[in-house]
PDB file of all heavy atoms in Angstrom:
ATOM      1  N   MET A   1      71.211  95.031 157.026  1.00  0.00           N
ATOM      2  CA  MET A   1      71.347  96.475 156.846  1.00  0.00           C
ATOM      3  C   MET A   1      70.837  97.234 158.071  1.00  0.00           C
ATOM      4  O   MET A   1      69.921  96.777 158.761  1.00  0.00           O
ATOM      5  CB  MET A   1      70.581  96.916 155.593  1.00  0.00           C
ATOM      6  CG  MET A   1      71.098  96.303 154.309  1.00  0.00           C
ATOM      7  SD  MET A   1      70.134  96.846 152.868  1.00  0.00           S
ATOM      8  CE  MET A   1      70.899  95.845 151.577  1.00  0.00           C
ATOM      9  N   PRO A   2      71.401  98.389 158.354  1.00  0.00           N
ATOM     10  CA  PRO A   2      70.998  99.182 159.535  1.00  0.00           C
ATOM     11  C   PRO A   2      69.517  99.549 159.494  1.00  0.00           C
ATOM     12  O   PRO A   2      68.975  99.887 158.434  1.00  0.00           O
ATOM     13  CB  PRO A   2      71.870 100.445 159.421  1.00  0.00           C
ATOM     14  CG  PRO A   2      73.028 100.042 158.574  1.00  0.00           C
ATOM     15  CD  PRO A   2      72.493  99.030 157.598  1.00  0.00           C
ATOM     16  N   GLY A   3      68.851  99.466 160.637  1.00  0.00           N
ATOM     17  CA  GLY A   3      67.472  99.910 160.754  1.00  0.00           C
ATOM     18  C   GLY A   3      66.421  98.921 160.327  1.00  0.00           C
ATOM     19  O   GLY A   3      65.217  99.205 160.423  1.00  0.00           O
ATOM     20  N   SER A   4      66.836  97.737 159.844  1.00  0.00           N
ATOM     21  CA  SER A   4      65.862  96.766 159.342  1.00  0.00           C
ATOM     22  C   SER A   4      65.290  95.942 160.489  1.00  0.00           C
ATOM     23  O   SER A   4      66.017  95.453 161.349  1.00  0.00           O
ATOM     24  CB  SER A   4      66.501  95.847 158.304  1.00  0.00           C
ATOM     25  OG  SER A   4      67.579  95.137 158.865  1.00  0.00           O
ATOM     26  N   ASN A   5      63.958  95.793 160.485  1.00  0.00           N
ATOM     27  CA  ASN A   5      63.279  95.016 161.519  1.00  0.00           C
ATOM     28  C   ASN A   5      62.245  94.099 160.881  1.00  0.00           C
ATOM     29  O   ASN A   5      61.356  94.562 160.158  1.00  0.00           O
ATOM     30  CB  ASN A   5      62.571  95.945 162.510  1.00  0.00           C
ATOM     31  CG  ASN A   5      63.541  96.804 163.296  1.00  0.00           C
ATOM     32  OD1 ASN A   5      64.360  96.295 164.048  1.00  0.00           O
ATOM     33  ND2 ASN A   5      63.468  98.114 163.092  1.00  0.00           N
ATOM     34  N   LYS A   6      62.375  92.807 161.141  1.00  0.00           N
ATOM     35  CA  LYS A   6      61.410  91.829 160.644  1.00  0.00           C
ATOM     36  C   LYS A   6      60.160  91.901 161.527  1.00  0.00           C
ATOM     37  O   LYS A   6      60.246  91.680 162.741  1.00  0.00           O
ATOM     38  CB  LYS A   6      62.010  90.427 160.674  1.00  0.00           C
ATOM     39  CG  LYS A   6      61.135  89.364 160.021  1.00  0.00           C
ATOM     40  CD  LYS A   6      61.672  87.965 160.275  1.00  0.00           C
ATOM     41  CE  LYS A   6      63.045  87.729 159.690  1.00  0.00           C
ATOM     42  NZ  LYS A   6      63.472  86.308 159.860  1.00  0.00           N
ATOM     43  N   VAL A   7      59.006  92.204 160.931  1.00  0.00           N
ATOM     44  CA  VAL A   7      57.793  92.396 161.721  1.00  0.00           C
ATOM     45  C   VAL A   7      56.720  91.337 161.464  1.00  0.00           C
ATOM     46  O   VAL A   7      55.755  91.236 162.219  1.00  0.00           O
ATOM     47  CB  VAL A   7      57.202  93.803 161.486  1.00  0.00           C
ATOM     48  CG1 VAL A   7      58.155  94.878 161.996  1.00  0.00           C
ATOM     49  CG2 VAL A   7      56.878  94.028 160.009  1.00  0.00           C
ATOM     50  N   PHE A   8      56.887  90.564 160.408  1.00  0.00           N
ATOM     51  CA  PHE A   8      55.955  89.464 160.130  1.00  0.00           C
ATOM     52  C   PHE A   8      56.656  88.516 159.173  1.00  0.00           C
ATOM     53  O   PHE A   8      57.298  88.963 158.225  1.00  0.00           O
ATOM     54  CB  PHE A   8      54.661  89.980 159.483  1.00  0.00           C
ATOM     55  CG  PHE A   8      53.576  88.940 159.361  1.00  0.00           C
ATOM     56  CD1 PHE A   8      52.734  88.655 160.424  1.00  0.00           C
ATOM     57  CD2 PHE A   8      53.394  88.230 158.175  1.00  0.00           C
ATOM     58  CE1 PHE A   8      51.730  87.687 160.321  1.00  0.00           C
ATOM     59  CE2 PHE A   8      52.402  87.265 158.058  1.00  0.00           C
ATOM     60  CZ  PHE A   8      51.571  86.994 159.133  1.00  0.00           C
ATOM     61  N   ASP A   9      56.554  87.211 159.456  1.00  0.00           N
ATOM     62  CA  ASP A   9      57.178  86.271 158.533  1.00  0.00           C
ATOM     63  C   ASP A   9      56.321  85.021 158.375  1.00  0.00           C
ATOM     64  O   ASP A   9      55.285  84.849 159.044  1.00  0.00           O
ATOM     65  CB  ASP A   9      58.616  85.933 158.933  1.00  0.00           C
ATOM     66  CG  ASP A   9      58.722  85.139 160.224  1.00  0.00           C
ATOM     67  OD1 ASP A   9      57.853  84.277 160.483  1.00  0.00           O
ATOM     68  OD2 ASP A   9      59.684  85.357 160.985  1.00  0.00           O
ATOM     69  N   SER A  10      56.748  84.160 157.484  1.00  0.00           N
ATOM     70  CA  SER A  10      55.939  83.002 157.098  1.00  0.00           C
ATOM     71  C   SER A  10      55.816  81.952 158.195  1.00  0.00           C
ATOM     72  O   SER A  10      54.965  81.064 158.101  1.00  0.00           O
ATOM     73  CB  SER A  10      56.514  82.363 155.828  1.00  0.00           C
ATOM     74  OG  SER A  10      57.906  82.122 155.957  1.00  0.00           O
ATOM     75  N   SER A  11      56.637  82.045 159.262  1.00  0.00           N
ATOM     76  CA  SER A  11      56.461  81.119 160.383  1.00  0.00           C
ATOM     77  C   SER A  11      55.143  81.389 161.104  1.00  0.00           C
ATOM     78  O   SER A  11      54.653  80.535 161.854  1.00  0.00           O
ATOM     79  CB  SER A  11      57.631  81.237 161.371  1.00  0.00           C
ATOM     80  OG  SER A  11      57.607  82.474 162.053  1.00  0.00           O
ATOM     81  N   MET A  12      54.565  82.556 160.856  1.00  0.00           N
ATOM     82  CA  MET A  12      53.289  82.916 161.474  1.00  0.00           C
ATOM     83  C   MET A  12      52.098  82.384 160.672  1.00  0.00           C
ATOM     84  O   MET A  12      50.962  82.442 161.138  1.00  0.00           O
ATOM     85  CB  MET A  12      53.212  84.437 161.645  1.00  0.00           C
ATOM     86  CG  MET A  12      54.319  84.994 162.521  1.00  0.00           C
ATOM     87  SD  MET A  12      54.393  86.798 162.498  1.00  0.00           S
ATOM     88  CE  MET A  12      55.865  87.082 163.514  1.00  0.00           C
ATOM     89  N   ILE A  13      52.370  81.888 159.471  1.00  0.00           N
ATOM     90  CA  ILE A  13      51.342  81.217 158.667  1.00  0.00           C
ATOM     91  C   ILE A  13      51.943  79.893 158.144  1.00  0.00           C
ATOM     92  O   ILE A  13      52.042  79.673 156.949  1.00  0.00           O
ATOM     93  CB  ILE A  13      50.836  82.100 157.501  1.00  0.00           C
ATOM     94  CG1 ILE A  13      52.009  82.648 156.660  1.00  0.00           C
ATOM     95  CG2 ILE A  13      49.972  83.239 158.009  1.00  0.00           C
ATOM     96  CD1 ILE A  13      51.561  83.278 155.338  1.00  0.00           C
ATOM     97  N   PRO A  14      52.348  79.012 159.050  1.00  0.00           N
ATOM     98  CA  PRO A  14      53.077  77.805 158.640  1.00  0.00           C
ATOM     99  C   PRO A  14      52.294  76.937 157.670  1.00  0.00           C
ATOM    100  O   PRO A  14      51.083  76.752 157.807  1.00  0.00           O
ATOM    101  CB  PRO A  14      53.308  77.073 159.969  1.00  0.00           C
ATOM    102  CG  PRO A  14      52.242  77.578 160.879  1.00  0.00           C
ATOM    103  CD  PRO A  14      52.049  79.014 160.493  1.00  0.00           C
ATOM    104  N   GLY A  15      53.007  76.431 156.658  1.00  0.00           N
ATOM    105  CA  GLY A  15      52.389  75.522 155.695  1.00  0.00           C
ATOM    106  C   GLY A  15      51.620  76.192 154.582  1.00  0.00           C
ATOM    107  O   GLY A  15      51.024  75.508 153.756  1.00  0.00           O
ATOM    108  N   GLU A  16      51.661  77.528 154.500  1.00  0.00           N
ATOM    109  CA  GLU A  16      50.875  78.214 153.471  1.00  0.00           C
ATOM    110  C   GLU A  16      51.699  78.584 152.236  1.00  0.00           C
ATOM    111  O   GLU A  16      51.158  78.667 151.140  1.00  0.00           O
ATOM    112  CB  GLU A  16      50.208  79.463 154.055  1.00  0.00           C
ATOM    113  CG  GLU A  16      49.133  79.132 155.079  1.00  0.00           C
ATOM    114  CD  GLU A  16      48.271  80.319 155.460  1.00  0.00           C
ATOM    115  OE1 GLU A  16      48.079  81.220 154.624  1.00  0.00           O
ATOM    116  OE2 GLU A  16      47.787  80.347 156.617  1.00  0.00           O
ATOM    117  N   ILE A  17      52.989  78.822 152.403  1.00  0.00           N
ATOM    118  CA  ILE A  17      53.867  79.109 151.253  1.00  0.00           C
ATOM    119  C   ILE A  17      54.695  77.857 151.019  1.00  0.00           C
ATOM    120  O   ILE A  17      55.658  77.575 151.733  1.00  0.00           O
ATOM    121  CB  ILE A  17      54.745  80.340 151.513  1.00  0.00           C
ATOM    122  CG1 ILE A  17      53.874  81.579 151.739  1.00  0.00           C
ATOM    123  CG2 ILE A  17      55.696  80.569 150.340  1.00  0.00           C
ATOM    124  CD1 ILE A  17      54.655  82.835 152.095  1.00  0.00           C
ATOM    125  N   ILE A  18      54.286  77.081 150.017  1.00  0.00           N
ATOM    126  CA  ILE A  18      54.829  75.742 149.797  1.00  0.00           C
ATOM    127  C   ILE A  18      55.688  75.739 148.534  1.00  0.00           C
ATOM    128  O   ILE A  18      55.302  76.309 147.508  1.00  0.00           O
ATOM    129  CB  ILE A  18      53.684  74.714 149.651  1.00  0.00           C
ATOM    130  CG1 ILE A  18      52.660  74.886 150.778  1.00  0.00           C
ATOM    131  CG2 ILE A  18      54.232  73.297 149.634  1.00  0.00           C
ATOM    132  CD1 ILE A  18      51.357  74.133 150.536  1.00  0.00           C
ATOM    133  N   ASP A  19      56.831  75.075 148.610  1.00  0.00           N
ATOM    134  CA  ASP A  19      57.751  75.019 147.479  1.00  0.00           C
ATOM    135  C   ASP A  19      57.668  73.653 146.815  1.00  0.00           C
ATOM    136  O   ASP A  19      57.817  72.615 147.470  1.00  0.00           O
ATOM    137  CB  ASP A  19      59.173  75.319 147.954  1.00  0.00           C
ATOM    138  CG  ASP A  19      59.256  76.693 148.608  1.00  0.00           C
ATOM    139  OD1 ASP A  19      58.765  77.656 147.994  1.00  0.00           O
ATOM    140  OD2 ASP A  19      59.788  76.795 149.725  1.00  0.00           O
ATOM    141  N   LEU A  20      57.453  73.666 145.519  1.00  0.00           N
ATOM    142  CA  LEU A  20      57.103  72.464 144.771  1.00  0.00           C
ATOM    143  C   LEU A  20      57.995  72.265 143.556  1.00  0.00           C
ATOM    144  O   LEU A  20      58.599  73.221 143.058  1.00  0.00           O
ATOM    145  CB  LEU A  20      55.664  72.571 144.253  1.00  0.00           C
ATOM    146  CG  LEU A  20      54.578  73.038 145.214  1.00  0.00           C
ATOM    147  CD1 LEU A  20      53.322  73.399 144.439  1.00  0.00           C
ATOM    148  CD2 LEU A  20      54.296  71.952 146.242  1.00  0.00           C
ATOM    149  N   LEU A  21      58.018  71.031 143.058  1.00  0.00           N
ATOM    150  CA  LEU A  21      58.410  70.799 141.669  1.00  0.00           C
ATOM    151  C   LEU A  21      57.120  70.473 140.941  1.00  0.00           C
ATOM    152  O   LEU A  21      56.454  69.471 141.236  1.00  0.00           O
ATOM    153  CB  LEU A  21      59.401  69.653 141.506  1.00  0.00           C
ATOM    154  CG  LEU A  21      59.833  69.487 140.037  1.00  0.00           C
ATOM    155  CD1 LEU A  21      60.751  70.627 139.601  1.00  0.00           C
ATOM    156  CD2 LEU A  21      60.510  68.138 139.791  1.00  0.00           C
ATOM    157  N   VAL A  22      56.756  71.336 140.009  1.00  0.00           N
ATOM    158  CA  VAL A  22      55.496  71.205 139.279  1.00  0.00           C
ATOM    159  C   VAL A  22      55.791  70.683 137.883  1.00  0.00           C
ATOM    160  O   VAL A  22      56.703  71.165 137.199  1.00  0.00           O
ATOM    161  CB  VAL A  22      54.777  72.566 139.207  1.00  0.00           C
ATOM    162  CG1 VAL A  22      53.579  72.506 138.266  1.00  0.00           C
ATOM    163  CG2 VAL A  22      54.342  72.991 140.604  1.00  0.00           C
ATOM    164  N   ILE A  23      55.018  69.698 137.456  1.00  0.00           N
ATOM    165  CA  ILE A  23      55.223  69.072 136.148  1.00  0.00           C
ATOM    166  C   ILE A  23      53.941  69.130 135.332  1.00  0.00           C
ATOM    167  O   ILE A  23      52.828  69.076 135.891  1.00  0.00           O
ATOM    168  CB  ILE A  23      55.707  67.610 136.333  1.00  0.00           C
ATOM    169  CG1 ILE A  23      56.155  67.000 134.988  1.00  0.00           C
ATOM    170  CG2 ILE A  23      54.641  66.750 136.997  1.00  0.00           C
ATOM    171  CD1 ILE A  23      56.904  65.678 135.161  1.00  0.00           C
ATOM    172  N   ASN A  24      54.076  69.268 134.028  1.00  0.00           N
ATOM    173  CA  ASN A  24      52.927  69.252 133.131  1.00  0.00           C
ATOM    174  C   ASN A  24      52.228  67.905 133.253  1.00  0.00           C
ATOM    175  O   ASN A  24      52.839  66.851 133.072  1.00  0.00           O
ATOM    176  CB  ASN A  24      53.404  69.498 131.692  1.00  0.00           C
ATOM    177  CG  ASN A  24      52.273  69.528 130.701  1.00  0.00           C
ATOM    178  OD1 ASN A  24      51.625  68.519 130.442  1.00  0.00           O
ATOM    179  ND2 ASN A  24      52.041  70.687 130.113  1.00  0.00           N
ATOM    180  N   THR A  25      50.948  67.920 133.598  1.00  0.00           N
ATOM    181  CA  THR A  25      50.207  66.683 133.860  1.00  0.00           C
ATOM    182  C   THR A  25      50.171  65.767 132.645  1.00  0.00           C
ATOM    183  O   THR A  25      50.316  64.537 132.777  1.00  0.00           O
ATOM    184  CB  THR A  25      48.777  67.014 134.316  1.00  0.00           C
ATOM    185  OG1 THR A  25      48.845  67.814 135.513  1.00  0.00           O
ATOM    186  CG2 THR A  25      47.983  65.752 134.612  1.00  0.00           C
ATOM    187  N   ASP A  26      49.988  66.331 131.467  1.00  0.00           N
ATOM    188  CA  ASP A  26      49.942  65.503 130.246  1.00  0.00           C
ATOM    189  C   ASP A  26      51.286  64.831 129.993  1.00  0.00           C
ATOM    190  O   ASP A  26      51.348  63.669 129.582  1.00  0.00           O
ATOM    191  CB  ASP A  26      49.539  66.350 129.036  1.00  0.00           C
ATOM    192  CG  ASP A  26      48.087  66.812 129.113  1.00  0.00           C
ATOM    193  OD1 ASP A  26      47.300  66.160 129.826  1.00  0.00           O
ATOM    194  OD2 ASP A  26      47.755  67.826 128.469  1.00  0.00           O
ATOM    195  N   ILE A  27      52.371  65.572 130.233  1.00  0.00           N
ATOM    196  CA  ILE A  27      53.707  64.998 130.062  1.00  0.00           C
ATOM    197  C   ILE A  27      53.930  63.874 131.062  1.00  0.00           C
ATOM    198  O   ILE A  27      54.468  62.813 130.735  1.00  0.00           O
ATOM    199  CB  ILE A  27      54.789  66.084 130.194  1.00  0.00           C
ATOM    200  CG1 ILE A  27      54.713  67.061 129.012  1.00  0.00           C
ATOM    201  CG2 ILE A  27      56.184  65.460 130.285  1.00  0.00           C
ATOM    202  CD1 ILE A  27      55.697  68.210 129.085  1.00  0.00           C
ATOM    203  N   LEU A  28      53.511  64.087 132.293  1.00  0.00           N
ATOM    204  CA  LEU A  28      53.681  63.061 133.328  1.00  0.00           C
ATOM    205  C   LEU A  28      52.894  61.798 132.983  1.00  0.00           C
ATOM    206  O   LEU A  28      53.401  60.684 133.134  1.00  0.00           O
ATOM    207  CB  LEU A  28      53.241  63.605 134.678  1.00  0.00           C
ATOM    208  CG  LEU A  28      53.364  62.645 135.869  1.00  0.00           C
ATOM    209  CD1 LEU A  28      54.817  62.237 136.083  1.00  0.00           C
ATOM    210  CD2 LEU A  28      52.788  63.278 137.128  1.00  0.00           C
ATOM    211  N   LYS A  29      51.659  61.973 132.516  1.00  0.00           N
ATOM    212  CA  LYS A  29      50.840  60.813 132.156  1.00  0.00           C
ATOM    213  C   LYS A  29      51.467  60.024 131.015  1.00  0.00           C
ATOM    214  O   LYS A  29      51.438  58.786 130.999  1.00  0.00           O
ATOM    215  CB  LYS A  29      49.432  61.262 131.769  1.00  0.00           C
ATOM    216  CG  LYS A  29      48.579  61.699 132.941  1.00  0.00           C
ATOM    217  CD  LYS A  29      47.193  62.144 132.473  1.00  0.00           C
ATOM    218  CE  LYS A  29      46.309  62.554 133.641  1.00  0.00           C
ATOM    219  NZ  LYS A  29      44.979  63.038 133.201  1.00  0.00           N
ATOM    220  N   ALA A  30      52.038  60.738 130.048  1.00  0.00           N
ATOM    221  CA  ALA A  30      52.648  60.077 128.896  1.00  0.00           C
ATOM    222  C   ALA A  30      54.016  59.498 129.220  1.00  0.00           C
ATOM    223  O   ALA A  30      54.487  58.582 128.534  1.00  0.00           O
ATOM    224  CB  ALA A  30      52.771  61.060 127.723  1.00  0.00           C
ATOM    225  N   ASN A  31      54.651  60.020 130.277  1.00  0.00           N
ATOM    226  CA  ASN A  31      56.024  59.628 130.612  1.00  0.00           C
ATOM    227  C   ASN A  31      56.164  59.410 132.117  1.00  0.00           C
ATOM    228  O   ASN A  31      56.870  60.155 132.798  1.00  0.00           O
ATOM    229  CB  ASN A  31      57.010  60.705 130.149  1.00  0.00           C
ATOM    230  CG  ASN A  31      56.875  61.034 128.675  1.00  0.00           C
ATOM    231  OD1 ASN A  31      57.448  60.364 127.828  1.00  0.00           O
ATOM    232  ND2 ASN A  31      56.100  62.074 128.369  1.00  0.00           N
ATOM    233  N   PRO A  32      55.509  58.401 132.675  1.00  0.00           N
ATOM    234  CA  PRO A  32      55.583  58.197 134.123  1.00  0.00           C
ATOM    235  C   PRO A  32      57.004  57.957 134.636  1.00  0.00           C
ATOM    236  O   PRO A  32      57.301  58.263 135.795  1.00  0.00           O
ATOM    237  CB  PRO A  32      54.684  56.980 134.356  1.00  0.00           C
ATOM    238  CG  PRO A  32      54.589  56.296 133.021  1.00  0.00           C
ATOM    239  CD  PRO A  32      54.656  57.391 132.017  1.00  0.00           C
ATOM    240  N   ASN A  33      57.882  57.445 133.781  1.00  0.00           N
ATOM    241  CA  ASN A  33      59.271  57.231 134.216  1.00  0.00           C
ATOM    242  C   ASN A  33      59.985  58.548 134.519  1.00  0.00           C
ATOM    243  O   ASN A  33      60.930  58.569 135.306  1.00  0.00           O
ATOM    244  CB  ASN A  33      60.050  56.437 133.177  1.00  0.00           C
ATOM    245  CG  ASN A  33      59.742  54.950 133.235  1.00  0.00           C
ATOM    246  OD1 ASN A  33      59.123  54.472 134.189  1.00  0.00           O
ATOM    247  ND2 ASN A  33      60.158  54.211 132.221  1.00  0.00           N
ATOM    248  N   LEU A  34      59.527  59.635 133.889  1.00  0.00           N
ATOM    249  CA  LEU A  34      60.107  60.941 134.203  1.00  0.00           C
ATOM    250  C   LEU A  34      59.789  61.301 135.652  1.00  0.00           C
ATOM    251  O   LEU A  34      60.661  61.786 136.385  1.00  0.00           O
ATOM    252  CB  LEU A  34      59.563  62.009 133.252  1.00  0.00           C
ATOM    253  CG  LEU A  34      59.995  63.451 133.555  1.00  0.00           C
ATOM    254  CD1 LEU A  34      61.509  63.597 133.480  1.00  0.00           C
ATOM    255  CD2 LEU A  34      59.304  64.433 132.607  1.00  0.00           C
ATOM    256  N   GLY A  35      58.551  61.055 136.057  1.00  0.00           N
ATOM    257  CA  GLY A  35      58.175  61.305 137.446  1.00  0.00           C
ATOM    258  C   GLY A  35      58.994  60.466 138.403  1.00  0.00           C
ATOM    259  O   GLY A  35      59.430  60.948 139.463  1.00  0.00           O
TER     260      GLY A  35
END
């Protein structure tokens, strides 16, 4: 869009915004094959 300027982004704090698949620990313990 017109006039937009990126002034700070996550490359300036590398490794801090992490994308995960999170699983319920109790479910994982009971069902390791799911993991």
